[in-house]
């Protein structure tokens, strides 16, 4: 059987603003979505229906090198 010759390669990501490259991303974090779960009144079928409301996103923090 042939040996697995895979290696790890880190991705590079660039920040583009209005179609112009602003620089390479060094670090980035945040942007996760959270929401409240709303339970509606129990109906004729005796099931509590649930849905999401008030979706919020965390602030995004970027560290960008100069392009």
PDB file of N, CA and C in Angstrom:
ATOM      1  N   UNK A   1       0.831  -1.172   0.000  1.00  0.00           N
ATOM      2  CA  UNK A   1       0.000   0.000   0.000  1.00  0.00           C
ATOM      3  C   UNK A   1       0.883   1.245   0.000  1.00  0.00           C
ATOM      4  N   UNK A   2       0.502   2.249  -0.759  1.00  0.00           N
ATOM      5  CA  UNK A   2       1.283   3.475  -0.838  1.00  0.00           C
ATOM      6  C   UNK A   2       1.144   4.281   0.447  1.00  0.00           C
ATOM      7  N   UNK A   3       2.230   4.937   0.816  1.00  0.00           N
ATOM      8  CA  UNK A   3       2.212   5.772   2.026  1.00  0.00           C
ATOM      9  C   UNK A   3       1.396   7.040   1.765  1.00  0.00           C
ATOM     10  N   UNK A   4       0.692   7.479   2.786  1.00  0.00           N
ATOM     11  CA  UNK A   4      -0.102   8.701   2.685  1.00  0.00           C
ATOM     12  C   UNK A   4       0.855   9.894   2.737  1.00  0.00           C
ATOM     13  N   UNK A   5       0.899  10.691   1.668  1.00  0.00           N
ATOM     14  CA  UNK A   5       1.855  11.800   1.589  1.00  0.00           C
ATOM     15  C   UNK A   5       1.182  13.148   1.758  1.00  0.00           C
ATOM     16  N   UNK A   6       0.115  13.193   2.518  1.00  0.00           N
ATOM     17  CA  UNK A   6      -0.574  14.454   2.759  1.00  0.00           C
ATOM     18  C   UNK A   6       0.215  15.299   3.739  1.00  0.00           C
ATOM     19  N   UNK A   7       0.139  16.597   3.563  1.00  0.00           N
ATOM     20  CA  UNK A   7       0.768  17.511   4.513  1.00  0.00           C
ATOM     21  C   UNK A   7      -0.206  18.641   4.808  1.00  0.00           C
ATOM     22  N   UNK A   8       0.039  19.342   5.875  1.00  0.00           N
ATOM     23  CA  UNK A   8      -0.821  20.442   6.274  1.00  0.00           C
ATOM     24  C   UNK A   8      -0.357  21.715   5.576  1.00  0.00           C
ATOM     25  N   UNK A   9      -1.301  22.449   5.018  1.00  0.00           N
ATOM     26  CA  UNK A   9      -1.011  23.739   4.408  1.00  0.00           C
ATOM     27  C   UNK A   9      -1.970  24.762   4.998  1.00  0.00           C
ATOM     28  N   UNK A  10      -1.416  25.800   5.591  1.00  0.00           N
ATOM     29  CA  UNK A  10      -2.255  26.848   6.176  1.00  0.00           C
ATOM     30  C   UNK A  10      -2.854  27.697   5.069  1.00  0.00           C
ATOM     31  N   UNK A  11      -4.110  28.093   5.244  1.00  0.00           N
ATOM     32  CA  UNK A  11      -4.760  28.956   4.268  1.00  0.00           C
ATOM     33  C   UNK A  11      -4.387  30.413   4.504  1.00  0.00           C
ATOM     34  N   UNK A  12      -4.437  31.179   3.451  1.00  0.00           N
ATOM     35  CA  UNK A  12      -4.216  32.625   3.552  1.00  0.00           C
ATOM     36  C   UNK A  12      -5.516  33.297   3.154  1.00  0.00           C
ATOM     37  N   UNK A  13      -5.920  34.286   3.930  1.00  0.00           N
ATOM     38  CA  UNK A  13      -7.152  34.996   3.654  1.00  0.00           C
ATOM     39  C   UNK A  13      -6.853  36.483   3.534  1.00  0.00           C
ATOM     40  N   UNK A  14      -7.476  37.114   2.562  1.00  0.00           N
ATOM     41  CA  UNK A  14      -7.288  38.545   2.340  1.00  0.00           C
ATOM     42  C   UNK A  14      -8.577  39.283   2.672  1.00  0.00           C
ATOM     43  N   UNK A  15      -8.435  40.537   3.100  1.00  0.00           N
ATOM     44  CA  UNK A  15      -9.583  41.396   3.353  1.00  0.00           C
ATOM     45  C   UNK A  15      -9.745  42.311   2.145  1.00  0.00           C
ATOM     46  N   UNK A  16     -10.952  42.283   1.575  1.00  0.00           N
ATOM     47  CA  UNK A  16     -11.254  43.112   0.412  1.00  0.00           C
ATOM     48  C   UNK A  16     -12.388  44.062   0.777  1.00  0.00           C
ATOM     49  N   UNK A  17     -12.190  45.350   0.543  1.00  0.00           N
ATOM     50  CA  UNK A  17     -13.205  46.363   0.833  1.00  0.00           C
ATOM     51  C   UNK A  17     -13.527  47.117  -0.452  1.00  0.00           C
ATOM     52  N   UNK A  18     -14.788  47.087  -0.851  1.00  0.00           N
ATOM     53  CA  UNK A  18     -15.236  47.742  -2.091  1.00  0.00           C
ATOM     54  C   UNK A  18     -14.403  47.334  -3.295  1.00  0.00           C
ATOM     55  N   UNK A  19     -14.044  46.056  -3.372  1.00  0.00           N
ATOM     56  CA  UNK A  19     -13.312  45.544  -4.523  1.00  0.00           C
ATOM     57  C   UNK A  19     -11.821  45.815  -4.504  1.00  0.00           C
ATOM     58  N   UNK A  20     -11.306  46.427  -3.421  1.00  0.00           N
ATOM     59  CA  UNK A  20      -9.881  46.734  -3.315  1.00  0.00           C
ATOM     60  C   UNK A  20      -9.286  45.927  -2.170  1.00  0.00           C
ATOM     61  N   UNK A  21      -8.149  45.262  -2.431  1.00  0.00           N
ATOM     62  CA  UNK A  21      -7.517  44.468  -1.383  1.00  0.00           C
ATOM     63  C   UNK A  21      -6.957  45.389  -0.302  1.00  0.00           C
ATOM     64  N   UNK A  22      -7.379  45.143   0.951  1.00  0.00           N
ATOM     65  CA  UNK A  22      -6.955  45.972   2.072  1.00  0.00           C
ATOM     66  C   UNK A  22      -5.765  45.373   2.809  1.00  0.00           C
ATOM     67  N   UNK A  23      -5.522  44.081   2.651  1.00  0.00           N
ATOM     68  CA  UNK A  23      -4.390  43.435   3.320  1.00  0.00           C
ATOM     69  C   UNK A  23      -4.695  41.992   3.636  1.00  0.00           C
ATOM     70  N   UNK A  24      -3.666  41.279   4.080  1.00  0.00           N
ATOM     71  CA  UNK A  24      -3.804  39.867   4.457  1.00  0.00           C
ATOM     72  C   UNK A  24      -4.228  39.767   5.910  1.00  0.00           C
ATOM     73  N   UNK A  25      -5.159  38.872   6.200  1.00  0.00           N
ATOM     74  CA  UNK A  25      -5.621  38.672   7.578  1.00  0.00           C
ATOM     75  C   UNK A  25      -4.564  37.896   8.347  1.00  0.00           C
ATOM     76  N   UNK A  26      -4.169  38.451   9.487  1.00  0.00           N
ATOM     77  CA  UNK A  26      -3.229  37.783  10.376  1.00  0.00           C
ATOM     78  C   UNK A  26      -3.995  36.975  11.429  1.00  0.00           C
ATOM     79  N   UNK A  27      -5.029  37.599  11.996  1.00  0.00           N
ATOM     80  CA  UNK A  27      -5.886  36.964  13.005  1.00  0.00           C
ATOM     81  C   UNK A  27      -7.310  37.458  12.803  1.00  0.00           C
ATOM     82  N   UNK A  28      -8.262  36.611  13.113  1.00  0.00           N
ATOM     83  CA  UNK A  28      -9.663  37.032  13.099  1.00  0.00           C
ATOM     84  C   UNK A  28     -10.444  36.192  14.084  1.00  0.00           C
ATOM     85  N   UNK A  29     -11.474  36.808  14.677  1.00  0.00           N
ATOM     86  CA  UNK A  29     -12.309  36.090  15.632  1.00  0.00           C
ATOM     87  C   UNK A  29     -13.669  36.765  15.688  1.00  0.00           C
ATOM     88  N   UNK A  30     -14.629  36.066  16.274  1.00  0.00           N
ATOM     89  CA  UNK A  30     -15.975  36.602  16.450  1.00  0.00           C
ATOM     90  C   UNK A  30     -16.887  36.284  15.281  1.00  0.00           C
ATOM     91  N   UNK A  31     -18.022  36.966  15.252  1.00  0.00           N
ATOM     92  CA  UNK A  31     -18.987  36.784  14.174  1.00  0.00           C
ATOM     93  C   UNK A  31     -19.986  35.667  14.398  1.00  0.00           C
ATOM     94  N   UNK A  32     -19.941  35.011  15.543  1.00  0.00           N
ATOM     95  CA  UNK A  32     -20.878  33.915  15.810  1.00  0.00           C
ATOM     96  C   UNK A  32     -22.298  34.449  15.995  1.00  0.00           C
ATOM     97  N   UNK A  33     -23.269  33.675  15.553  1.00  0.00           N
ATOM     98  CA  UNK A  33     -24.677  34.067  15.665  1.00  0.00           C
ATOM     99  C   UNK A  33     -25.299  33.439  16.911  1.00  0.00           C
ATOM    100  N   UNK A  34     -26.138  34.208  17.593  1.00  0.00           N
ATOM    101  CA  UNK A  34     -26.924  33.699  18.717  1.00  0.00           C
ATOM    102  C   UNK A  34     -28.364  34.167  18.531  1.00  0.00           C
ATOM    103  N   UNK A  35     -29.294  33.450  19.134  1.00  0.00           N
ATOM    104  CA  UNK A  35     -30.709  33.822  19.019  1.00  0.00           C
ATOM    105  C   UNK A  35     -31.462  33.337  20.252  1.00  0.00           C
ATOM    106  N   UNK A  36     -32.611  33.952  20.491  1.00  0.00           N
ATOM    107  CA  UNK A  36     -33.499  33.532  21.579  1.00  0.00           C
ATOM    108  C   UNK A  36     -34.467  32.492  21.028  1.00  0.00           C
ATOM    109  N   UNK A  37     -34.764  31.469  21.834  1.00  0.00           N
ATOM    110  CA  UNK A  37     -35.750  30.458  21.457  1.00  0.00           C
ATOM    111  C   UNK A  37     -37.090  30.869  22.045  1.00  0.00           C
ATOM    112  N   UNK A  38     -38.085  31.030  21.191  1.00  0.00           N
ATOM    113  CA  UNK A  38     -39.424  31.446  21.598  1.00  0.00           C
ATOM    114  C   UNK A  38     -40.349  30.235  21.559  1.00  0.00           C
ATOM    115  N   UNK A  39     -41.068  29.981  22.670  1.00  0.00           N
ATOM    116  CA  UNK A  39     -42.048  28.896  22.726  1.00  0.00           C
ATOM    117  C   UNK A  39     -43.442  29.505  22.620  1.00  0.00           C
ATOM    118  N   UNK A  40     -44.176  29.093  21.606  1.00  0.00           N
ATOM    119  CA  UNK A  40     -45.533  29.611  21.391  1.00  0.00           C
ATOM    120  C   UNK A  40     -46.520  28.878  22.293  1.00  0.00           C
ATOM    121  N   UNK A  41     -47.741  29.409  22.391  1.00  0.00           N
ATOM    122  CA  UNK A  41     -48.783  28.768  23.194  1.00  0.00           C
ATOM    123  C   UNK A  41     -49.083  27.383  22.633  1.00  0.00           C
ATOM    124  N   UNK A  42     -49.445  26.482  23.526  1.00  0.00           N
ATOM    125  CA  UNK A  42     -49.815  25.124  23.116  1.00  0.00           C
ATOM    126  C   UNK A  42     -51.137  25.188  22.368  1.00  0.00           C
ATOM    127  N   UNK A  43     -51.151  24.594  21.173  1.00  0.00           N
ATOM    128  CA  UNK A  43     -52.343  24.647  20.336  1.00  0.00           C
ATOM    129  C   UNK A  43     -53.227  23.438  20.515  1.00  0.00           C
ATOM    130  N   UNK A  44     -54.137  23.265  19.578  1.00  0.00           N
ATOM    131  CA  UNK A  44     -55.097  22.150  19.588  1.00  0.00           C
ATOM    132  C   UNK A  44     -54.393  20.798  19.567  1.00  0.00           C
ATOM    133  N   UNK A  45     -53.227  20.730  18.925  1.00  0.00           N
ATOM    134  CA  UNK A  45     -52.499  19.457  18.827  1.00  0.00           C
ATOM    135  C   UNK A  45     -51.662  19.165  20.075  1.00  0.00           C
ATOM    136  N   UNK A  46     -51.710  20.046  21.077  1.00  0.00           N
ATOM    137  CA  UNK A  46     -51.006  19.888  22.351  1.00  0.00           C
ATOM    138  C   UNK A  46     -49.488  19.818  22.191  1.00  0.00           C
ATOM    139  N   UNK A  47     -48.959  20.501  21.165  1.00  0.00           N
ATOM    140  CA  UNK A  47     -47.519  20.578  20.956  1.00  0.00           C
ATOM    141  C   UNK A  47     -47.069  22.024  21.148  1.00  0.00           C
ATOM    142  N   UNK A  48     -45.942  22.180  21.804  1.00  0.00           N
ATOM    143  CA  UNK A  48     -45.363  23.517  21.985  1.00  0.00           C
ATOM    144  C   UNK A  48     -44.462  23.798  20.782  1.00  0.00           C
ATOM    145  N   UNK A  49     -44.837  24.735  19.952  1.00  0.00           N
ATOM    146  CA  UNK A  49     -44.048  25.110  18.779  1.00  0.00           C
ATOM    147  C   UNK A  49     -42.960  26.096  19.217  1.00  0.00           C
ATOM    148  N   UNK A  50     -41.756  25.907  18.682  1.00  0.00           N
ATOM    149  CA  UNK A  50     -40.634  26.781  19.016  1.00  0.00           C
ATOM    150  C   UNK A  50     -40.035  27.354  17.741  1.00  0.00           C
ATOM    151  N   UNK A  51     -39.513  28.566  17.858  1.00  0.00           N
ATOM    152  CA  UNK A  51     -38.796  29.170  16.743  1.00  0.00           C
ATOM    153  C   UNK A  51     -37.756  30.149  17.287  1.00  0.00           C
ATOM    154  N   UNK A  52     -36.846  30.560  16.432  1.00  0.00           N
ATOM    155  CA  UNK A  52     -35.798  31.500  16.825  1.00  0.00           C
ATOM    156  C   UNK A  52     -36.247  32.931  16.557  1.00  0.00           C
ATOM    157  N   UNK A  53     -35.835  33.826  17.429  1.00  0.00           N
ATOM    158  CA  UNK A  53     -36.152  35.249  17.252  1.00  0.00           C
ATOM    159  C   UNK A  53     -34.988  36.082  17.771  1.00  0.00           C
ATOM    160  N   UNK A  54     -34.864  37.266  17.252  1.00  0.00           N
ATOM    161  CA  UNK A  54     -33.837  38.187  17.742  1.00  0.00           C
ATOM    162  C   UNK A  54     -32.426  37.708  17.489  1.00  0.00           C
ATOM    163  N   UNK A  55     -32.115  37.331  16.253  1.00  0.00           N
ATOM    164  CA  UNK A  55     -30.768  36.854  15.932  1.00  0.00           C
ATOM    165  C   UNK A  55     -29.774  38.001  16.118  1.00  0.00           C
ATOM    166  N   UNK A  56     -28.667  37.708  16.811  1.00  0.00           N
ATOM    167  CA  UNK A  56     -27.615  38.693  17.063  1.00  0.00           C
ATOM    168  C   UNK A  56     -26.278  38.093  16.642  1.00  0.00           C
ATOM    169  N   UNK A  57     -25.366  38.938  16.224  1.00  0.00           N
ATOM    170  CA  UNK A  57     -24.031  38.493  15.827  1.00  0.00           C
ATOM    171  C   UNK A  57     -22.986  39.144  16.724  1.00  0.00           C
ATOM    172  N   UNK A  58     -21.975  38.356  17.109  1.00  0.00           N
ATOM    173  CA  UNK A  58     -20.870  38.897  17.899  1.00  0.00           C
ATOM    174  C   UNK A  58     -20.080  39.875  17.044  1.00  0.00           C
ATOM    175  N   UNK A  59     -19.418  40.812  17.696  1.00  0.00           N
ATOM    176  CA  UNK A  59     -18.525  41.712  16.982  1.00  0.00           C
ATOM    177  C   UNK A  59     -17.389  40.899  16.362  1.00  0.00           C
ATOM    178  N   UNK A  60     -16.904  41.366  15.240  1.00  0.00           N
ATOM    179  CA  UNK A  60     -15.797  40.711  14.553  1.00  0.00           C
ATOM    180  C   UNK A  60     -14.531  41.508  14.827  1.00  0.00           C
ATOM    181  N   UNK A  61     -13.464  40.797  15.154  1.00  0.00           N
ATOM    182  CA  UNK A  61     -12.172  41.432  15.413  1.00  0.00           C
ATOM    183  C   UNK A  61     -11.180  40.910  14.387  1.00  0.00           C
ATOM    184  N   UNK A  62     -10.543  41.834  13.661  1.00  0.00           N
ATOM    185  CA  UNK A  62      -9.587  41.471  12.616  1.00  0.00           C
ATOM    186  C   UNK A  62      -8.235  42.105  12.893  1.00  0.00           C
ATOM    187  N   UNK A  63      -7.179  41.356  12.599  1.00  0.00           N
ATOM    188  CA  UNK A  63      -5.834  41.908  12.595  1.00  0.00           C
ATOM    189  C   UNK A  63      -5.321  41.723  11.177  1.00  0.00           C
ATOM    190  N   UNK A  64      -5.100  42.846  10.493  1.00  0.00           N
ATOM    191  CA  UNK A  64      -4.764  42.810   9.075  1.00  0.00           C
ATOM    192  C   UNK A  64      -3.373  43.401   8.874  1.00  0.00           C
ATOM    193  N   UNK A  65      -2.553  42.681   8.072  1.00  0.00           N
ATOM    194  CA  UNK A  65      -1.256  43.227   7.704  1.00  0.00           C
ATOM    195  C   UNK A  65      -1.423  44.234   6.576  1.00  0.00           C
ATOM    196  N   UNK A  66      -0.465  45.067   6.402  1.00  0.00           N
ATOM    197  CA  UNK A  66      -0.551  46.059   5.325  1.00  0.00           C
ATOM    198  C   UNK A  66      -0.267  45.380   4.001  1.00  0.00           C
ATOM    199  N   UNK A  67      -1.145  45.625   3.020  1.00  0.00           N
ATOM    200  CA  UNK A  67      -1.050  44.992   1.717  1.00  0.00           C
ATOM    201  C   UNK A  67       0.040  45.597   0.894  1.00  0.00           C
TER     202      UNK A  67
END
